[in-house]
Amino acid sequence: YIPSHLYYCMFELLKNSLRAVLEYHGTGGTMPAVKVIIADSESNEDVVIKVSDEGGGIPRSNMPRIFSYLFTTAKPAFDGNPAFSSAGDHGTDSPLAGLGYGLPISRTYARYFGGDLNIMSMEGYGTDAFLHLSRLGNRAEPLP
C-alpha cells in the first residue's frame, strides 16, 4: 500500500468514528474509546484493521447508501462557514466531515490494491469498520 492511501483510509475511518461518538454521547462526561485492532499474522492472507466505536451506529435503512458519493450523515460542513461564501478569497481550510466522499474513496483505494472495506453497524450501539489489506504481492492490478 502506498502510505498516503493507507493514511487517507485510516484518517476517514477514525474521523467518522470520533465524530459519531461525540455526536451520540455529547460533550459532557466520559466518552467511550474508539478501538483499533490490527490482525497481522504471517499466516493471514490479509492484514485486517478494525476500527470500532460506540457512536450509536448507522440506521439499517442508510446502509445501502454509505458507499454512495455525496451521501453523508454529518451536518452540512459549510453552513455558515465563511470559507465557502462567494465573497472574498477562498482559504485553504476544508471541512473534515459532511461532503460524502470519505468512505467511497477509501473503499476504492482498498479494492484497487487488492483489499476491501466493510462496515458492520448496530443501530443504537456502534459501528465496526474492517479495512482488509492484501499482504500478498502477487495480485494483478484490477484494470477494467
C-alpha atoms as a PDB file:
ATOM      1  CA  TYR A   1       0.000   0.000   0.000  1.00  0.00           C
ATOM      2  CA  ILE A   2       1.133   3.477  -0.784  1.00  0.00           C
ATOM      3  CA  PRO A   3       1.398   5.259   2.590  1.00  0.00           C
ATOM      4  CA  SER A   4      -0.736   8.219   1.518  1.00  0.00           C
ATOM      5  CA  HIS A   5      -3.621   5.927   0.509  1.00  0.00           C
ATOM      6  CA  LEU A   6      -3.460   3.967   3.750  1.00  0.00           C
ATOM      7  CA  TYR A   7      -3.296   7.247   5.678  1.00  0.00           C
ATOM      8  CA  TYR A   8      -6.384   8.515   3.837  1.00  0.00           C
ATOM      9  CA  CYS A   9      -8.382   5.355   4.594  1.00  0.00           C
ATOM     10  CA  MET A  10      -7.438   5.313   8.278  1.00  0.00           C
ATOM     11  CA  PHE A  11      -7.997   9.048   8.677  1.00  0.00           C
ATOM     12  CA  GLU A  12     -11.517   8.722   7.241  1.00  0.00           C
ATOM     13  CA  LEU A  13     -12.445   5.737   9.409  1.00  0.00           C
ATOM     14  CA  LEU A  14     -11.099   7.311  12.605  1.00  0.00           C
ATOM     15  CA  LYS A  15     -12.651  10.705  11.815  1.00  0.00           C
ATOM     16  CA  ASN A  16     -16.059   9.130  11.196  1.00  0.00           C
ATOM     17  CA  SER A  17     -15.857   7.096  14.408  1.00  0.00           C
ATOM     18  CA  LEU A  18     -14.745  10.017  16.555  1.00  0.00           C
ATOM     19  CA  ARG A  19     -17.450  12.275  15.115  1.00  0.00           C
ATOM     20  CA  ALA A  20     -20.117   9.628  15.719  1.00  0.00           C
ATOM     21  CA  VAL A  21     -19.044   9.099  19.336  1.00  0.00           C
ATOM     22  CA  LEU A  22     -19.010  12.841  20.011  1.00  0.00           C
ATOM     23  CA  GLU A  23     -22.428  13.404  18.426  1.00  0.00           C
ATOM     24  CA  TYR A  24     -24.004  10.377  20.134  1.00  0.00           C
ATOM     25  CA  HIS A  25     -22.618  10.945  23.647  1.00  0.00           C
ATOM     26  CA  GLY A  26     -22.343  14.745  23.691  1.00  0.00           C
ATOM     27  CA  THR A  27     -19.509  16.766  25.120  1.00  0.00           C
ATOM     28  CA  GLY A  28     -20.275  16.275  28.796  1.00  0.00           C
ATOM     29  CA  GLY A  29     -18.912  13.351  30.753  1.00  0.00           C
ATOM     30  CA  THR A  30     -16.817  10.402  29.722  1.00  0.00           C
ATOM     31  CA  MET A  31     -16.933   9.105  26.177  1.00  0.00           C
ATOM     32  CA  PRO A  32     -16.133   5.532  25.162  1.00  0.00           C
ATOM     33  CA  ALA A  33     -12.850   4.991  23.358  1.00  0.00           C
ATOM     34  CA  VAL A  34     -12.610   4.286  19.665  1.00  0.00           C
ATOM     35  CA  LYS A  35     -10.744   0.982  19.406  1.00  0.00           C
ATOM     36  CA  VAL A  36      -8.333  -0.021  16.657  1.00  0.00           C
ATOM     37  CA  ILE A  37      -7.357  -3.683  16.340  1.00  0.00           C
ATOM     38  CA  ILE A  38      -4.812  -4.944  13.803  1.00  0.00           C
ATOM     39  CA  ALA A  39      -4.810  -8.628  12.825  1.00  0.00           C
ATOM     40  CA  ASP A  40      -1.418  -9.202  11.262  1.00  0.00           C
ATOM     41  CA  SER A  41      -0.080 -12.732  11.329  1.00  0.00           C
ATOM     42  CA  GLU A  42       2.404 -14.235   8.888  1.00  0.00           C
ATOM     43  CA  SER A  43      -0.169 -16.921   8.034  1.00  0.00           C
ATOM     44  CA  ASN A  44      -3.004 -14.465   7.314  1.00  0.00           C
ATOM     45  CA  GLU A  45      -3.904 -13.766   3.711  1.00  0.00           C
ATOM     46  CA  ASP A  46      -4.753 -10.153   4.593  1.00  0.00           C
ATOM     47  CA  VAL A  47      -3.802  -7.629   7.211  1.00  0.00           C
ATOM     48  CA  VAL A  48      -7.109  -6.503   8.721  1.00  0.00           C
ATOM     49  CA  ILE A  49      -7.550  -3.256  10.617  1.00  0.00           C
ATOM     50  CA  LYS A  50     -10.760  -2.962  12.632  1.00  0.00           C
ATOM     51  CA  VAL A  51     -11.961   0.449  13.815  1.00  0.00           C
ATOM     52  CA  SER A  52     -14.714   0.036  16.385  1.00  0.00           C
ATOM     53  CA  ASP A  53     -16.830   2.730  18.033  1.00  0.00           C
ATOM     54  CA  GLU A  54     -19.837   3.131  20.291  1.00  0.00           C
ATOM     55  CA  GLY A  55     -21.231   6.110  18.413  1.00  0.00           C
ATOM     56  CA  GLY A  56     -24.815   4.982  18.021  1.00  0.00           C
ATOM     57  CA  GLY A  57     -24.425   3.066  14.781  1.00  0.00           C
ATOM     58  CA  ILE A  58     -25.910   3.610  11.355  1.00  0.00           C
ATOM     59  CA  PRO A  59     -29.625   3.023  10.712  1.00  0.00           C
ATOM     60  CA  ARG A  60     -30.156  -0.097   8.594  1.00  0.00           C
ATOM     61  CA  SER A  61     -32.060   1.982   6.033  1.00  0.00           C
ATOM     62  CA  ASN A  62     -28.869   4.013   5.404  1.00  0.00           C
ATOM     63  CA  MET A  63     -26.517   1.040   4.998  1.00  0.00           C
ATOM     64  CA  PRO A  64     -27.072   0.564   1.217  1.00  0.00           C
ATOM     65  CA  ARG A  65     -26.059   4.199   0.649  1.00  0.00           C
ATOM     66  CA  ILE A  66     -22.956   4.596   2.818  1.00  0.00           C
ATOM     67  CA  PHE A  67     -20.623   3.963  -0.122  1.00  0.00           C
ATOM     68  CA  SER A  68     -22.514   6.322  -2.430  1.00  0.00           C
ATOM     69  CA  TYR A  69     -20.814   9.582  -3.298  1.00  0.00           C
ATOM     70  CA  LEU A  70     -22.369  12.669  -1.678  1.00  0.00           C
ATOM     71  CA  PHE A  71     -24.251  10.610   0.929  1.00  0.00           C
ATOM     72  CA  THR A  72     -23.491  11.820   4.429  1.00  0.00           C
ATOM     73  CA  THR A  73     -24.990  11.693   7.893  1.00  0.00           C
ATOM     74  CA  ALA A  74     -22.928  14.668   9.058  1.00  0.00           C
ATOM     75  CA  LYS A  75     -24.426  18.086   9.493  1.00  0.00           C
ATOM     76  CA  PRO A  76     -23.679  20.339   6.495  1.00  0.00           C
ATOM     77  CA  ALA A  77     -19.994  21.181   6.677  1.00  0.00           C
ATOM     78  CA  PHE A  78     -20.239  24.571   5.063  1.00  0.00           C
ATOM     79  CA  ASP A  79     -23.315  26.130   6.680  1.00  0.00           C
ATOM     80  CA  GLY A  80     -22.208  29.497   7.950  1.00  0.00           C
ATOM     81  CA  ASN A  81     -18.544  28.847   7.143  1.00  0.00           C
ATOM     82  CA  PRO A  82     -17.056  31.994   5.575  1.00  0.00           C
ATOM     83  CA  ALA A  83     -14.515  29.858   3.672  1.00  0.00           C
ATOM     84  CA  PHE A  84     -17.402  28.736   1.442  1.00  0.00           C
ATOM     85  CA  SER A  85     -19.004  32.115   0.899  1.00  0.00           C
ATOM     86  CA  SER A  86     -18.972  33.711  -2.536  1.00  0.00           C
ATOM     87  CA  ALA A  87     -17.480  36.894  -1.107  1.00  0.00           C
ATOM     88  CA  GLY A  88     -13.719  37.188  -0.923  1.00  0.00           C
ATOM     89  CA  ASP A  89     -10.918  34.724  -1.436  1.00  0.00           C
ATOM     90  CA  HIS A  90     -11.334  31.057  -0.531  1.00  0.00           C
ATOM     91  CA  GLY A  91      -8.960  29.811   2.144  1.00  0.00           C
ATOM     92  CA  THR A  92      -7.043  26.561   2.220  1.00  0.00           C
ATOM     93  CA  ASP A  93      -9.133  25.173   5.088  1.00  0.00           C
ATOM     94  CA  SER A  94     -11.501  22.355   4.237  1.00  0.00           C
ATOM     95  CA  PRO A  95     -14.237  20.752   6.288  1.00  0.00           C
ATOM     96  CA  LEU A  96     -13.427  17.433   7.946  1.00  0.00           C
ATOM     97  CA  ALA A  97     -16.849  15.881   7.502  1.00  0.00           C
ATOM     98  CA  GLY A  98     -20.026  16.178   5.564  1.00  0.00           C
ATOM     99  CA  LEU A  99     -19.132  16.011   1.895  1.00  0.00           C
ATOM    100  CA  GLY A 100     -19.818  12.298   1.328  1.00  0.00           C
ATOM    101  CA  TYR A 101     -16.526  11.320  -0.307  1.00  0.00           C
ATOM    102  CA  GLY A 102     -14.569   9.651   2.518  1.00  0.00           C
ATOM    103  CA  LEU A 103     -15.979   6.119   2.582  1.00  0.00           C
ATOM    104  CA  PRO A 104     -16.440   5.689  -1.191  1.00  0.00           C
ATOM    105  CA  ILE A 105     -12.870   6.798  -1.931  1.00  0.00           C
ATOM    106  CA  SER A 106     -11.478   4.700   0.926  1.00  0.00           C
ATOM    107  CA  ARG A 107     -13.213   1.578  -0.379  1.00  0.00           C
ATOM    108  CA  THR A 108     -11.997   2.332  -3.922  1.00  0.00           C
ATOM    109  CA  TYR A 109      -8.388   2.603  -2.689  1.00  0.00           C
ATOM    110  CA  ALA A 110      -8.696  -0.641  -0.718  1.00  0.00           C
ATOM    111  CA  ARG A 111     -10.160  -2.540  -3.671  1.00  0.00           C
ATOM    112  CA  TYR A 112      -7.656  -1.129  -6.132  1.00  0.00           C
ATOM    113  CA  PHE A 113      -4.808  -2.550  -4.060  1.00  0.00           C
ATOM    114  CA  GLY A 114      -6.480  -5.975  -3.672  1.00  0.00           C
ATOM    115  CA  GLY A 115      -8.249  -5.411  -0.343  1.00  0.00           C
ATOM    116  CA  ASP A 116     -11.682  -4.249   0.718  1.00  0.00           C
ATOM    117  CA  LEU A 117     -13.571  -2.082   3.193  1.00  0.00           C
ATOM    118  CA  ASN A 118     -16.598  -3.474   5.028  1.00  0.00           C
ATOM    119  CA  ILE A 119     -18.864  -1.729   7.531  1.00  0.00           C
ATOM    120  CA  MET A 120     -20.949  -3.559  10.152  1.00  0.00           C
ATOM    121  CA  SER A 121     -23.271  -1.470  12.284  1.00  0.00           C
ATOM    122  CA  MET A 122     -25.686  -1.932  15.166  1.00  0.00           C
ATOM    123  CA  GLU A 123     -28.097   0.978  15.376  1.00  0.00           C
ATOM    124  CA  GLY A 124     -28.264   2.282  18.922  1.00  0.00           C
ATOM    125  CA  TYR A 125     -24.803   0.949  19.782  1.00  0.00           C
ATOM    126  CA  GLY A 126     -21.968   1.488  17.309  1.00  0.00           C
ATOM    127  CA  THR A 127     -20.110   0.594  14.151  1.00  0.00           C
ATOM    128  CA  ASP A 128     -17.201  -1.638  13.197  1.00  0.00           C
ATOM    129  CA  ALA A 129     -15.205  -0.884  10.049  1.00  0.00           C
ATOM    130  CA  PHE A 130     -12.934  -3.589   8.645  1.00  0.00           C
ATOM    131  CA  LEU A 131     -10.149  -2.488   6.312  1.00  0.00           C
ATOM    132  CA  HIS A 132      -8.677  -5.529   4.550  1.00  0.00           C
ATOM    133  CA  LEU A 133      -5.198  -5.001   3.096  1.00  0.00           C
ATOM    134  CA  SER A 134      -3.775  -7.656   0.800  1.00  0.00           C
ATOM    135  CA  ARG A 135      -0.447  -8.907   2.100  1.00  0.00           C
ATOM    136  CA  LEU A 136       0.426 -10.937  -0.994  1.00  0.00           C
ATOM    137  CA  GLY A 137       2.496  -9.143  -3.602  1.00  0.00           C
ATOM    138  CA  ASN A 138       1.403 -11.373  -6.479  1.00  0.00           C
ATOM    139  CA  ARG A 139      -2.004  -9.799  -7.125  1.00  0.00           C
ATOM    140  CA  ALA A 140      -2.704  -8.300 -10.533  1.00  0.00           C
ATOM    141  CA  GLU A 141      -3.700  -4.678 -10.839  1.00  0.00           C
ATOM    142  CA  PRO A 142      -7.507  -4.563 -11.282  1.00  0.00           C
ATOM    143  CA  LEU A 143      -7.978  -2.780 -14.591  1.00  0.00           C
ATOM    144  CA  PRO A 144     -11.319  -2.518 -16.394  1.00  0.00           C
END
